[in-house]
Amino acid sequence: MTQPVSPPRDSTDKVPSAAETPAWRAVLFRADVRTLSLLGVLAALILIGGITKPDQFLDTRNLQLVLTQASVIGVVTVGMTFVIISGGIDLSVGAIVALASVWATTVATQEYGFGGILLTAVLVGLGCGLVNGVLIAYGGMVPFIATLAMLASARGLALQITDGRTQIVTVDGVLDLGERDSYVLGIPPLVLVFAAVTVIGWLVLNRTTFGRRSVAVGGNAEAARLAGIDVRRQRLYLYLLSGLCCGIAAFLLIVLAGSGQNTNGNLYELDAIAAAIIGGTLLTGGRGTIVGSVLGVLIFTTITNIFALNNLQSDVQQIAKGAIIVAAVLVQRRTASTT
């Protein structure tokens, strides 16, 4: 007895297998969950601040202060995010910020006014980034060792320039940026710069060949090389980008503090790496988001502000930050295992 033959199935009726499911849907799902989780943490912190110190925390001046403080480390974090996405690391960002800030505030530099201070800070940052990039991309040094050496060297040079003293800024054009009269619609200029760097960073990462190449190098450097990407040159550009962000952050710190000190940028490298990690950037490279990193910066800055308003000790603050990092990583792993 012959078996009935089923009519041929039209190609449009084919049910895709799990392997045929578009990868971008899984990526978007993970990104959405991660972003919502970070927004939830930030909302919870704002609620805690509003409950514990409603008159102080929710005051407009305090919120402006939180955003201003987040701007400096936030600009550094944008550059750090690109480096980590490419599979690298930069432990020297805090020292570069310190060196750029003191070099830009020497008496000789201040004689050239606003432009001289800004240009010096940016050039010092780029110079340090260039050294890191050459050592890592063309010298074959491990990023951890190369940037650790830069950390020590930049800190030592910053101390030598200042001789341990604070260099006061006397250029009115720089100091005026920190005054309330320079706010645009109630937004401090430093926050506007941070927003601009964030938008540019997002566009570069998600809408340009440079961003795609950075992700490719971090995902699989050998495959990227075989695909025609100059991996060494790409890594050089990434450390130049990190140095540029450090130079910009140094200028913002000069505006915020009105001075240059060799102790500036202390532990910025740890804060930037932590913010990038809880934002979803993999330390192994190949994945990361600018939005997540910025949310990580805002979370840490808000924690610092809440603890300061409640007169809590800094050691408790560090414990809280550590717990948030662990929780964020666990959420990422759980999200990845369910998609």
C-alpha atoms as a PDB file:
ATOM      1  CA  MET A   1       0.000   0.000   0.000  1.00  0.00           C
ATOM      2  CA  THR A   2       1.463   3.288  -1.065  1.00  0.00           C
ATOM      3  CA  GLN A   3       1.836   6.033   1.467  1.00  0.00           C
ATOM      4  CA  PRO A   4       0.199   9.378   0.683  1.00  0.00           C
ATOM      5  CA  VAL A   5       2.677  11.927  -0.481  1.00  0.00           C
ATOM      6  CA  SER A   6       2.538  15.265   1.238  1.00  0.00           C
ATOM      7  CA  PRO A   7       2.337  18.266  -1.060  1.00  0.00           C
ATOM      8  CA  PRO A   8       5.586  20.164  -1.407  1.00  0.00           C
ATOM      9  CA  ARG A   9       5.993  22.831   1.214  1.00  0.00           C
ATOM     10  CA  ASP A  10       6.378  26.331  -0.155  1.00  0.00           C
ATOM     11  CA  SER A  11       9.622  28.059   0.753  1.00  0.00           C
ATOM     12  CA  THR A  12       7.675  30.747   2.568  1.00  0.00           C
ATOM     13  CA  ASP A  13       6.222  28.120   4.931  1.00  0.00           C
ATOM     14  CA  LYS A  14       9.618  26.985   6.146  1.00  0.00           C
ATOM     15  CA  VAL A  15       9.995  27.284   9.925  1.00  0.00           C
ATOM     16  CA  PRO A  16      13.462  28.641  10.785  1.00  0.00           C
ATOM     17  CA  SER A  17      15.541  26.665  13.214  1.00  0.00           C
ATOM     18  CA  ALA A  18      17.205  28.169  16.265  1.00  0.00           C
ATOM     19  CA  ALA A  19      20.447  28.377  14.341  1.00  0.00           C
ATOM     20  CA  GLU A  20      18.702  30.351  11.598  1.00  0.00           C
ATOM     21  CA  THR A  21      17.266  32.940  13.983  1.00  0.00           C
ATOM     22  CA  PRO A  22      18.811  36.334  13.197  1.00  0.00           C
ATOM     23  CA  ALA A  23      21.668  36.996  15.591  1.00  0.00           C
ATOM     24  CA  TRP A  24      20.834  40.683  15.803  1.00  0.00           C
ATOM     25  CA  ARG A  25      17.563  39.865  17.595  1.00  0.00           C
ATOM     26  CA  ALA A  26      19.421  38.110  20.393  1.00  0.00           C
ATOM     27  CA  VAL A  27      21.893  40.974  20.603  1.00  0.00           C
ATOM     28  CA  LEU A  28      19.115  43.557  20.793  1.00  0.00           C
ATOM     29  CA  PHE A  29      17.318  41.506  23.433  1.00  0.00           C
ATOM     30  CA  ARG A  30      20.415  41.329  25.615  1.00  0.00           C
ATOM     31  CA  ALA A  31      21.061  45.041  25.121  1.00  0.00           C
ATOM     32  CA  ASP A  32      17.494  45.938  26.063  1.00  0.00           C
ATOM     33  CA  VAL A  33      17.556  43.802  29.202  1.00  0.00           C
ATOM     34  CA  ARG A  34      20.934  45.183  30.214  1.00  0.00           C
ATOM     35  CA  THR A  35      19.895  48.797  29.639  1.00  0.00           C
ATOM     36  CA  LEU A  36      16.630  48.335  31.520  1.00  0.00           C
ATOM     37  CA  SER A  37      18.498  46.694  34.406  1.00  0.00           C
ATOM     38  CA  LEU A  38      20.914  49.618  34.647  1.00  0.00           C
ATOM     39  CA  LEU A  39      18.089  52.129  34.426  1.00  0.00           C
ATOM     40  CA  GLY A  40      16.333  50.217  37.212  1.00  0.00           C
ATOM     41  CA  VAL A  41      19.428  50.420  39.428  1.00  0.00           C
ATOM     42  CA  LEU A  42      19.805  54.136  38.710  1.00  0.00           C
ATOM     43  CA  ALA A  43      16.108  54.749  39.456  1.00  0.00           C
ATOM     44  CA  ALA A  44      16.438  52.848  42.739  1.00  0.00           C
ATOM     45  CA  LEU A  45      19.427  54.958  43.738  1.00  0.00           C
ATOM     46  CA  ILE A  46      17.565  58.169  42.918  1.00  0.00           C
ATOM     47  CA  LEU A  47      14.657  56.921  45.037  1.00  0.00           C
ATOM     48  CA  ILE A  48      16.997  56.132  47.935  1.00  0.00           C
ATOM     49  CA  GLY A  49      18.588  59.559  47.682  1.00  0.00           C
ATOM     50  CA  GLY A  50      15.191  61.216  47.530  1.00  0.00           C
ATOM     51  CA  ILE A  51      14.022  59.352  50.638  1.00  0.00           C
ATOM     52  CA  THR A  52      17.146  59.747  52.769  1.00  0.00           C
ATOM     53  CA  LYS A  53      17.957  63.368  51.885  1.00  0.00           C
ATOM     54  CA  PRO A  54      15.015  64.766  49.907  1.00  0.00           C
ATOM     55  CA  ASP A  55      15.808  68.454  50.373  1.00  0.00           C
ATOM     56  CA  GLN A  56      19.487  68.077  49.493  1.00  0.00           C
ATOM     57  CA  PHE A  57      19.632  65.252  46.940  1.00  0.00           C
ATOM     58  CA  LEU A  58      16.746  66.477  44.770  1.00  0.00           C
ATOM     59  CA  ASP A  59      17.956  70.049  44.844  1.00  0.00           C
ATOM     60  CA  THR A  60      18.745  71.381  41.370  1.00  0.00           C
ATOM     61  CA  ARG A  61      22.249  72.420  42.363  1.00  0.00           C
ATOM     62  CA  ASN A  62      23.037  68.947  43.678  1.00  0.00           C
ATOM     63  CA  LEU A  63      21.756  67.241  40.526  1.00  0.00           C
ATOM     64  CA  GLN A  64      23.865  69.629  38.451  1.00  0.00           C
ATOM     65  CA  LEU A  65      26.854  68.722  40.634  1.00  0.00           C
ATOM     66  CA  VAL A  66      26.276  64.979  40.095  1.00  0.00           C
ATOM     67  CA  LEU A  67      26.169  65.411  36.327  1.00  0.00           C
ATOM     68  CA  THR A  68      29.218  67.675  36.353  1.00  0.00           C
ATOM     69  CA  GLN A  69      31.267  65.204  38.376  1.00  0.00           C
ATOM     70  CA  ALA A  70      30.120  62.384  36.090  1.00  0.00           C
ATOM     71  CA  SER A  71      31.277  64.327  33.055  1.00  0.00           C
ATOM     72  CA  VAL A  72      35.006  64.047  33.743  1.00  0.00           C
ATOM     73  CA  ILE A  73      35.150  60.309  34.411  1.00  0.00           C
ATOM     74  CA  GLY A  74      32.445  59.797  31.787  1.00  0.00           C
ATOM     75  CA  VAL A  75      34.617  61.153  28.966  1.00  0.00           C
ATOM     76  CA  VAL A  76      37.443  58.853  30.102  1.00  0.00           C
ATOM     77  CA  THR A  77      35.035  55.908  30.177  1.00  0.00           C
ATOM     78  CA  VAL A  78      33.980  56.459  26.567  1.00  0.00           C
ATOM     79  CA  GLY A  79      37.599  56.044  25.456  1.00  0.00           C
ATOM     80  CA  MET A  80      38.090  53.090  27.793  1.00  0.00           C
ATOM     81  CA  THR A  81      35.031  51.378  26.341  1.00  0.00           C
ATOM     82  CA  PHE A  82      36.538  51.419  22.847  1.00  0.00           C
ATOM     83  CA  VAL A  83      39.825  49.984  24.143  1.00  0.00           C
ATOM     84  CA  ILE A  84      38.146  47.165  26.077  1.00  0.00           C
ATOM     85  CA  ILE A  85      35.858  46.313  23.152  1.00  0.00           C
ATOM     86  CA  SER A  86      38.994  45.772  21.065  1.00  0.00           C
ATOM     87  CA  GLY A  87      40.315  43.313  23.642  1.00  0.00           C
ATOM     88  CA  GLY A  88      42.756  45.744  25.275  1.00  0.00           C
ATOM     89  CA  ILE A  89      42.991  47.593  28.570  1.00  0.00           C
ATOM     90  CA  ASP A  90      44.329  50.985  29.610  1.00  0.00           C
ATOM     91  CA  LEU A  91      45.507  51.330  33.192  1.00  0.00           C
ATOM     92  CA  SER A  92      47.131  54.697  32.552  1.00  0.00           C
ATOM     93  CA  VAL A  93      44.060  56.896  31.987  1.00  0.00           C
ATOM     94  CA  GLY A  94      44.096  58.437  35.475  1.00  0.00           C
ATOM     95  CA  ALA A  95      47.808  59.225  35.278  1.00  0.00           C
ATOM     96  CA  ILE A  96      47.401  60.699  31.790  1.00  0.00           C
ATOM     97  CA  VAL A  97      44.628  62.972  33.096  1.00  0.00           C
ATOM     98  CA  ALA A  98      46.931  64.106  35.904  1.00  0.00           C
ATOM     99  CA  LEU A  99      49.875  64.740  33.565  1.00  0.00           C
ATOM    100  CA  ALA A 100      47.727  66.609  31.033  1.00  0.00           C
ATOM    101  CA  SER A 101      46.132  68.747  33.744  1.00  0.00           C
ATOM    102  CA  VAL A 102      49.432  69.862  35.313  1.00  0.00           C
ATOM    103  CA  TRP A 103      51.190  70.372  31.977  1.00  0.00           C
ATOM    104  CA  ALA A 104      48.290  72.548  30.816  1.00  0.00           C
ATOM    105  CA  THR A 105      48.312  74.671  33.981  1.00  0.00           C
ATOM    106  CA  THR A 106      51.992  75.608  34.206  1.00  0.00           C
ATOM    107  CA  VAL A 107      52.757  79.333  34.228  1.00  0.00           C
ATOM    108  CA  ALA A 108      54.297  79.101  30.761  1.00  0.00           C
ATOM    109  CA  THR A 109      51.225  77.379  29.309  1.00  0.00           C
ATOM    110  CA  GLN A 110      48.740  79.773  30.920  1.00  0.00           C
ATOM    111  CA  GLU A 111      50.427  82.673  29.148  1.00  0.00           C
ATOM    112  CA  TYR A 112      48.776  81.411  25.948  1.00  0.00           C
ATOM    113  CA  GLY A 113      45.330  81.682  27.510  1.00  0.00           C
ATOM    114  CA  PHE A 114      42.288  79.482  27.003  1.00  0.00           C
ATOM    115  CA  GLY A 115      43.465  78.014  23.709  1.00  0.00           C
ATOM    116  CA  GLY A 116      46.898  77.191  25.063  1.00  0.00           C
ATOM    117  CA  ILE A 117      45.499  75.285  28.042  1.00  0.00           C
ATOM    118  CA  LEU A 118      42.982  73.333  25.963  1.00  0.00           C
ATOM    119  CA  LEU A 119      45.467  72.502  23.196  1.00  0.00           C
ATOM    120  CA  THR A 120      48.161  71.419  25.658  1.00  0.00           C
ATOM    121  CA  ALA A 121      45.794  69.100  27.537  1.00  0.00           C
ATOM    122  CA  VAL A 122      44.643  67.459  24.306  1.00  0.00           C
ATOM    123  CA  LEU A 123      48.162  67.137  22.858  1.00  0.00           C
ATOM    124  CA  VAL A 124      49.533  65.592  26.062  1.00  0.00           C
ATOM    125  CA  GLY A 125      46.691  63.084  26.076  1.00  0.00           C
ATOM    126  CA  LEU A 126      47.284  62.228  22.424  1.00  0.00           C
ATOM    127  CA  GLY A 127      51.032  61.934  23.007  1.00  0.00           C
ATOM    128  CA  CYS A 128      50.581  59.457  25.843  1.00  0.00           C
ATOM    129  CA  GLY A 129      48.031  57.522  23.810  1.00  0.00           C
ATOM    130  CA  LEU A 130      50.487  57.398  20.907  1.00  0.00           C
ATOM    131  CA  VAL A 131      53.215  55.933  23.128  1.00  0.00           C
ATOM    132  CA  ASN A 132      50.801  53.312  24.481  1.00  0.00           C
ATOM    133  CA  GLY A 133      49.591  52.457  20.992  1.00  0.00           C
ATOM    134  CA  VAL A 134      53.060  52.100  19.489  1.00  0.00           C
ATOM    135  CA  LEU A 135      54.306  49.925  22.347  1.00  0.00           C
ATOM    136  CA  ILE A 136      51.264  47.645  22.171  1.00  0.00           C
ATOM    137  CA  ALA A 137      50.520  47.542  18.432  1.00  0.00           C
ATOM    138  CA  TYR A 138      54.042  47.629  17.011  1.00  0.00           C
ATOM    139  CA  GLY A 139      56.212  46.783  20.007  1.00  0.00           C
ATOM    140  CA  GLY A 140      54.292  43.635  20.854  1.00  0.00           C
ATOM    141  CA  MET A 141      53.901  44.558  24.522  1.00  0.00           C
ATOM    142  CA  VAL A 142      50.978  43.264  26.542  1.00  0.00           C
ATOM    143  CA  PRO A 143      48.485  46.133  27.109  1.00  0.00           C
ATOM    144  CA  PHE A 144      48.512  45.534  30.861  1.00  0.00           C
ATOM    145  CA  ILE A 145      52.303  45.994  31.080  1.00  0.00           C
ATOM    146  CA  ALA A 146      52.566  48.871  28.608  1.00  0.00           C
ATOM    147  CA  THR A 147      49.830  50.956  30.217  1.00  0.00           C
ATOM    148  CA  LEU A 148      51.086  50.105  33.712  1.00  0.00           C
ATOM    149  CA  ALA A 149      54.461  51.524  32.713  1.00  0.00           C
ATOM    150  CA  MET A 150      52.736  54.629  31.360  1.00  0.00           C
ATOM    151  CA  LEU A 151      50.827  54.963  34.636  1.00  0.00           C
ATOM    152  CA  ALA A 152      54.051  55.058  36.641  1.00  0.00           C
ATOM    153  CA  SER A 153      55.864  57.330  34.187  1.00  0.00           C
ATOM    154  CA  ALA A 154      53.024  59.834  33.795  1.00  0.00           C
ATOM    155  CA  ARG A 155      52.467  60.062  37.552  1.00  0.00           C
ATOM    156  CA  GLY A 156      56.187  60.600  38.122  1.00  0.00           C
ATOM    157  CA  LEU A 157      56.419  63.293  35.441  1.00  0.00           C
ATOM    158  CA  ALA A 158      53.314  65.049  36.805  1.00  0.00           C
ATOM    159  CA  LEU A 159      54.907  65.114  40.265  1.00  0.00           C
ATOM    160  CA  GLN A 160      58.149  66.453  38.821  1.00  0.00           C
ATOM    161  CA  ILE A 161      56.383  69.263  36.951  1.00  0.00           C
ATOM    162  CA  THR A 162      54.397  70.423  39.975  1.00  0.00           C
ATOM    163  CA  ASP A 163      57.030  69.628  42.614  1.00  0.00           C
ATOM    164  CA  GLY A 164      54.087  68.490  44.727  1.00  0.00           C
ATOM    165  CA  ARG A 165      52.357  71.881  44.560  1.00  0.00           C
ATOM    166  CA  THR A 166      48.896  72.831  43.312  1.00  0.00           C
ATOM    167  CA  GLN A 167      48.980  74.981  40.158  1.00  0.00           C
ATOM    168  CA  ILE A 168      46.231  77.593  40.334  1.00  0.00           C
ATOM    169  CA  VAL A 169      44.518  78.599  37.078  1.00  0.00           C
ATOM    170  CA  THR A 170      44.377  82.369  36.513  1.00  0.00           C
ATOM    171  CA  VAL A 171      42.864  82.433  33.001  1.00  0.00           C
ATOM    172  CA  ASP A 172      39.387  83.935  33.275  1.00  0.00           C
ATOM    173  CA  GLY A 173      38.066  82.219  30.150  1.00  0.00           C
ATOM    174  CA  VAL A 174      38.704  78.811  31.714  1.00  0.00           C
ATOM    175  CA  LEU A 175      37.365  79.719  35.145  1.00  0.00           C
ATOM    176  CA  ASP A 176      34.207  81.257  33.665  1.00  0.00           C
ATOM    177  CA  LEU A 177      33.124  77.863  32.283  1.00  0.00           C
ATOM    178  CA  GLY A 178      32.662  76.665  35.851  1.00  0.00           C
ATOM    179  CA  GLU A 179      30.428  79.583  36.831  1.00  0.00           C
ATOM    180  CA  ARG A 180      26.637  79.378  36.825  1.00  0.00           C
ATOM    181  CA  ASP A 181      26.428  82.287  34.397  1.00  0.00           C
ATOM    182  CA  SER A 182      27.842  80.004  31.691  1.00  0.00           C
ATOM    183  CA  TYR A 183      25.125  77.357  32.109  1.00  0.00           C
ATOM    184  CA  VAL A 184      22.990  76.745  29.024  1.00  0.00           C
ATOM    185  CA  LEU A 185      19.312  76.293  29.990  1.00  0.00           C
ATOM    186  CA  GLY A 186      20.479  75.238  33.440  1.00  0.00           C
ATOM    187  CA  ILE A 187      22.959  72.695  32.046  1.00  0.00           C
ATOM    188  CA  PRO A 188      26.659  73.115  32.947  1.00  0.00           C
ATOM    189  CA  PRO A 189      29.037  73.370  29.960  1.00  0.00           C
ATOM    190  CA  LEU A 190      30.961  70.312  31.189  1.00  0.00           C
ATOM    191  CA  VAL A 191      27.799  68.214  30.932  1.00  0.00           C
ATOM    192  CA  LEU A 192      27.242  69.448  27.376  1.00  0.00           C
ATOM    193  CA  VAL A 193      30.782  68.386  26.454  1.00  0.00           C
ATOM    194  CA  PHE A 194      30.185  64.975  28.041  1.00  0.00           C
ATOM    195  CA  ALA A 195      26.936  64.617  26.101  1.00  0.00           C
ATOM    196  CA  ALA A 196      28.677  65.547  22.850  1.00  0.00           C
ATOM    197  CA  VAL A 197      31.483  63.019  23.451  1.00  0.00           C
ATOM    198  CA  THR A 198      28.896  60.345  24.271  1.00  0.00           C
ATOM    199  CA  VAL A 199      26.884  60.965  21.108  1.00  0.00           C
ATOM    200  CA  ILE A 200      30.011  61.026  18.937  1.00  0.00           C
ATOM    201  CA  GLY A 201      31.287  57.853  20.607  1.00  0.00           C
ATOM    202  CA  TRP A 202      27.963  56.083  20.013  1.00  0.00           C
ATOM    203  CA  LEU A 203      27.906  57.114  16.358  1.00  0.00           C
ATOM    204  CA  VAL A 204      31.519  56.036  15.810  1.00  0.00           C
ATOM    205  CA  LEU A 205      30.961  52.651  17.448  1.00  0.00           C
ATOM    206  CA  ASN A 206      27.629  51.839  15.845  1.00  0.00           C
ATOM    207  CA  ARG A 207      27.601  53.689  12.543  1.00  0.00           C
ATOM    208  CA  THR A 208      31.155  53.675  11.196  1.00  0.00           C
ATOM    209  CA  THR A 209      33.671  51.230   9.775  1.00  0.00           C
ATOM    210  CA  PHE A 210      36.032  52.188  12.605  1.00  0.00           C
ATOM    211  CA  GLY A 211      33.530  50.918  15.162  1.00  0.00           C
ATOM    212  CA  ARG A 212      32.916  47.657  13.314  1.00  0.00           C
ATOM    213  CA  ARG A 213      36.644  47.080  12.981  1.00  0.00           C
ATOM    214  CA  SER A 214      37.124  47.679  16.715  1.00  0.00           C
ATOM    215  CA  VAL A 215      34.510  45.041  17.542  1.00  0.00           C
ATOM    216  CA  ALA A 216      36.015  42.638  15.009  1.00  0.00           C
ATOM    217  CA  VAL A 217      39.517  43.002  16.452  1.00  0.00           C
ATOM    218  CA  GLY A 218      38.190  42.351  19.950  1.00  0.00           C
ATOM    219  CA  GLY A 219      36.119  39.375  18.857  1.00  0.00           C
ATOM    220  CA  ASN A 220      38.881  37.590  16.938  1.00  0.00           C
ATOM    221  CA  ALA A 221      42.023  39.474  15.987  1.00  0.00           C
ATOM    222  CA  GLU A 222      43.293  36.752  13.622  1.00  0.00           C
ATOM    223  CA  ALA A 223      39.979  36.536  11.778  1.00  0.00           C
ATOM    224  CA  ALA A 224      39.956  40.331  11.522  1.00  0.00           C
ATOM    225  CA  ARG A 225      43.454  40.253  10.019  1.00  0.00           C
ATOM    226  CA  LEU A 226      42.434  37.619   7.477  1.00  0.00           C
ATOM    227  CA  ALA A 227      39.433  39.785   6.592  1.00  0.00           C
ATOM    228  CA  GLY A 228      41.791  42.579   5.568  1.00  0.00           C
ATOM    229  CA  ILE A 229      41.795  44.710   8.728  1.00  0.00           C
ATOM    230  CA  ASP A 230      45.138  46.201   9.729  1.00  0.00           C
ATOM    231  CA  VAL A 231      44.917  45.067  13.363  1.00  0.00           C
ATOM    232  CA  ARG A 232      48.038  46.882  14.536  1.00  0.00           C
ATOM    233  CA  ARG A 233      46.978  50.192  13.050  1.00  0.00           C
ATOM    234  CA  GLN A 234      43.478  49.788  14.488  1.00  0.00           C
ATOM    235  CA  ARG A 235      44.892  49.233  17.962  1.00  0.00           C
ATOM    236  CA  LEU A 236      47.115  52.282  17.576  1.00  0.00           C
ATOM    237  CA  TYR A 237      44.078  54.399  16.683  1.00  0.00           C
ATOM    238  CA  LEU A 238      42.157  53.055  19.678  1.00  0.00           C
ATOM    239  CA  TYR A 239      44.834  54.064  22.173  1.00  0.00           C
ATOM    240  CA  LEU A 240      45.080  57.446  20.479  1.00  0.00           C
ATOM    241  CA  LEU A 241      41.327  57.764  21.014  1.00  0.00           C
ATOM    242  CA  SER A 242      41.712  56.854  24.677  1.00  0.00           C
ATOM    243  CA  GLY A 243      44.467  59.453  25.059  1.00  0.00           C
ATOM    244  CA  LEU A 244      42.309  62.078  23.348  1.00  0.00           C
ATOM    245  CA  CYS A 245      39.473  61.402  25.793  1.00  0.00           C
ATOM    246  CA  CYS A 246      41.933  61.722  28.690  1.00  0.00           C
ATOM    247  CA  GLY A 247      43.092  65.085  27.361  1.00  0.00           C
ATOM    248  CA  ILE A 248      39.511  66.353  27.107  1.00  0.00           C
ATOM    249  CA  ALA A 249      38.754  65.034  30.601  1.00  0.00           C
ATOM    250  CA  ALA A 250      41.858  66.796  31.944  1.00  0.00           C
ATOM    251  CA  PHE A 251      40.606  70.113  30.594  1.00  0.00           C
ATOM    252  CA  LEU A 252      37.169  69.511  32.138  1.00  0.00           C
ATOM    253  CA  LEU A 253      38.851  68.746  35.459  1.00  0.00           C
ATOM    254  CA  ILE A 254      40.856  71.968  35.223  1.00  0.00           C
ATOM    255  CA  VAL A 255      37.605  73.884  34.738  1.00  0.00           C
ATOM    256  CA  LEU A 256      35.934  72.031  37.606  1.00  0.00           C
ATOM    257  CA  ALA A 257      38.784  72.383  40.122  1.00  0.00           C
ATOM    258  CA  GLY A 258      40.333  75.608  38.870  1.00  0.00           C
ATOM    259  CA  SER A 259      43.776  74.073  39.256  1.00  0.00           C
ATOM    260  CA  GLY A 260      46.128  71.318  38.197  1.00  0.00           C
ATOM    261  CA  GLN A 261      47.509  68.711  40.608  1.00  0.00           C
ATOM    262  CA  ASN A 262      49.611  65.599  40.252  1.00  0.00           C
ATOM    263  CA  THR A 263      46.987  63.712  42.270  1.00  0.00           C
ATOM    264  CA  ASN A 264      44.245  64.380  39.703  1.00  0.00           C
ATOM    265  CA  GLY A 265      42.593  61.357  38.131  1.00  0.00           C
ATOM    266  CA  ASN A 266      43.357  59.090  41.077  1.00  0.00           C
ATOM    267  CA  LEU A 267      41.785  55.625  40.474  1.00  0.00           C
ATOM    268  CA  TYR A 268      40.062  56.849  37.314  1.00  0.00           C
ATOM    269  CA  GLU A 269      41.241  53.695  35.589  1.00  0.00           C
ATOM    270  CA  LEU A 270      39.360  51.495  38.041  1.00  0.00           C
ATOM    271  CA  ASP A 271      36.186  53.581  37.884  1.00  0.00           C
ATOM    272  CA  ALA A 272      36.247  53.666  34.083  1.00  0.00           C
ATOM    273  CA  ILE A 273      36.819  49.920  33.766  1.00  0.00           C
ATOM    274  CA  ALA A 274      34.104  49.182  36.334  1.00  0.00           C
ATOM    275  CA  ALA A 275      31.601  51.485  34.607  1.00  0.00           C
ATOM    276  CA  ALA A 276      32.294  49.840  31.255  1.00  0.00           C
ATOM    277  CA  ILE A 277      31.930  46.348  32.711  1.00  0.00           C
ATOM    278  CA  ILE A 278      28.597  46.932  34.424  1.00  0.00           C
ATOM    279  CA  GLY A 279      27.471  48.617  31.219  1.00  0.00           C
ATOM    280  CA  GLY A 280      27.898  45.358  29.350  1.00  0.00           C
ATOM    281  CA  THR A 281      31.374  45.637  27.863  1.00  0.00           C
ATOM    282  CA  LEU A 282      33.205  42.296  27.903  1.00  0.00           C
ATOM    283  CA  LEU A 283      36.740  42.360  29.286  1.00  0.00           C
ATOM    284  CA  THR A 284      37.624  39.723  26.695  1.00  0.00           C
ATOM    285  CA  GLY A 285      36.564  42.124  23.939  1.00  0.00           C
ATOM    286  CA  GLY A 286      34.149  41.890  21.059  1.00  0.00           C
ATOM    287  CA  ARG A 287      31.111  43.467  22.702  1.00  0.00           C
ATOM    288  CA  GLY A 288      30.209  46.688  24.461  1.00  0.00           C
ATOM    289  CA  THR A 289      27.925  49.709  24.444  1.00  0.00           C
ATOM    290  CA  ILE A 290      28.514  53.401  24.999  1.00  0.00           C
ATOM    291  CA  VAL A 291      25.049  53.842  26.515  1.00  0.00           C
ATOM    292  CA  GLY A 292      25.702  51.107  29.074  1.00  0.00           C
ATOM    293  CA  SER A 293      29.055  52.606  30.033  1.00  0.00           C
ATOM    294  CA  VAL A 294      27.503  56.050  30.530  1.00  0.00           C
ATOM    295  CA  LEU A 295      24.780  54.550  32.733  1.00  0.00           C
ATOM    296  CA  GLY A 296      27.517  52.835  34.742  1.00  0.00           C
ATOM    297  CA  VAL A 297      29.228  56.195  35.283  1.00  0.00           C
ATOM    298  CA  LEU A 298      25.965  57.794  36.412  1.00  0.00           C
ATOM    299  CA  ILE A 299      25.310  54.925  38.841  1.00  0.00           C
ATOM    300  CA  PHE A 300      28.728  55.233  40.480  1.00  0.00           C
ATOM    301  CA  THR A 301      28.555  59.030  40.655  1.00  0.00           C
ATOM    302  CA  THR A 302      25.096  58.878  42.205  1.00  0.00           C
ATOM    303  CA  ILE A 303      26.304  56.384  44.813  1.00  0.00           C
ATOM    304  CA  THR A 304      29.183  58.678  45.726  1.00  0.00           C
ATOM    305  CA  ASN A 305      26.841  61.636  46.074  1.00  0.00           C
ATOM    306  CA  ILE A 306      24.323  59.754  48.225  1.00  0.00           C
ATOM    307  CA  PHE A 307      27.029  58.489  50.546  1.00  0.00           C
ATOM    308  CA  ALA A 308      28.522  61.974  50.872  1.00  0.00           C
ATOM    309  CA  LEU A 309      25.147  63.522  51.724  1.00  0.00           C
ATOM    310  CA  ASN A 310      24.509  60.846  54.362  1.00  0.00           C
ATOM    311  CA  ASN A 311      28.011  61.221  55.841  1.00  0.00           C
ATOM    312  CA  LEU A 312      28.831  57.555  55.233  1.00  0.00           C
ATOM    313  CA  GLN A 313      32.434  56.401  55.120  1.00  0.00           C
ATOM    314  CA  SER A 314      34.190  55.778  51.827  1.00  0.00           C
ATOM    315  CA  ASP A 315      34.932  52.139  52.665  1.00  0.00           C
ATOM    316  CA  VAL A 316      31.205  51.376  52.735  1.00  0.00           C
ATOM    317  CA  GLN A 317      30.898  53.167  49.410  1.00  0.00           C
ATOM    318  CA  GLN A 318      33.563  50.923  47.867  1.00  0.00           C
ATOM    319  CA  ILE A 319      31.791  47.820  49.177  1.00  0.00           C
ATOM    320  CA  ALA A 320      28.549  49.004  47.573  1.00  0.00           C
ATOM    321  CA  LYS A 321      30.308  49.600  44.257  1.00  0.00           C
ATOM    322  CA  GLY A 322      31.821  46.130  44.378  1.00  0.00           C
ATOM    323  CA  ALA A 323      28.428  44.564  45.054  1.00  0.00           C
ATOM    324  CA  ILE A 324      26.904  46.413  42.100  1.00  0.00           C
ATOM    325  CA  ILE A 325      29.686  45.207  39.793  1.00  0.00           C
ATOM    326  CA  VAL A 326      29.144  41.590  40.855  1.00  0.00           C
ATOM    327  CA  ALA A 327      25.369  41.900  40.466  1.00  0.00           C
ATOM    328  CA  ALA A 328      25.720  43.468  37.014  1.00  0.00           C
ATOM    329  CA  VAL A 329      28.042  40.696  35.806  1.00  0.00           C
ATOM    330  CA  LEU A 330      25.673  38.022  37.124  1.00  0.00           C
ATOM    331  CA  VAL A 331      22.757  39.662  35.296  1.00  0.00           C
ATOM    332  CA  GLN A 332      24.775  39.708  32.074  1.00  0.00           C
ATOM    333  CA  ARG A 333      25.688  36.031  32.385  1.00  0.00           C
ATOM    334  CA  ARG A 334      22.113  35.050  33.126  1.00  0.00           C
ATOM    335  CA  THR A 335      20.870  37.066  30.155  1.00  0.00           C
ATOM    336  CA  ALA A 336      23.453  35.498  27.872  1.00  0.00           C
ATOM    337  CA  SER A 337      22.551  31.960  28.987  1.00  0.00           C
ATOM    338  CA  THR A 338      18.848  32.458  28.254  1.00  0.00           C
ATOM    339  CA  THR A 339      19.309  33.811  24.723  1.00  0.00           C
END
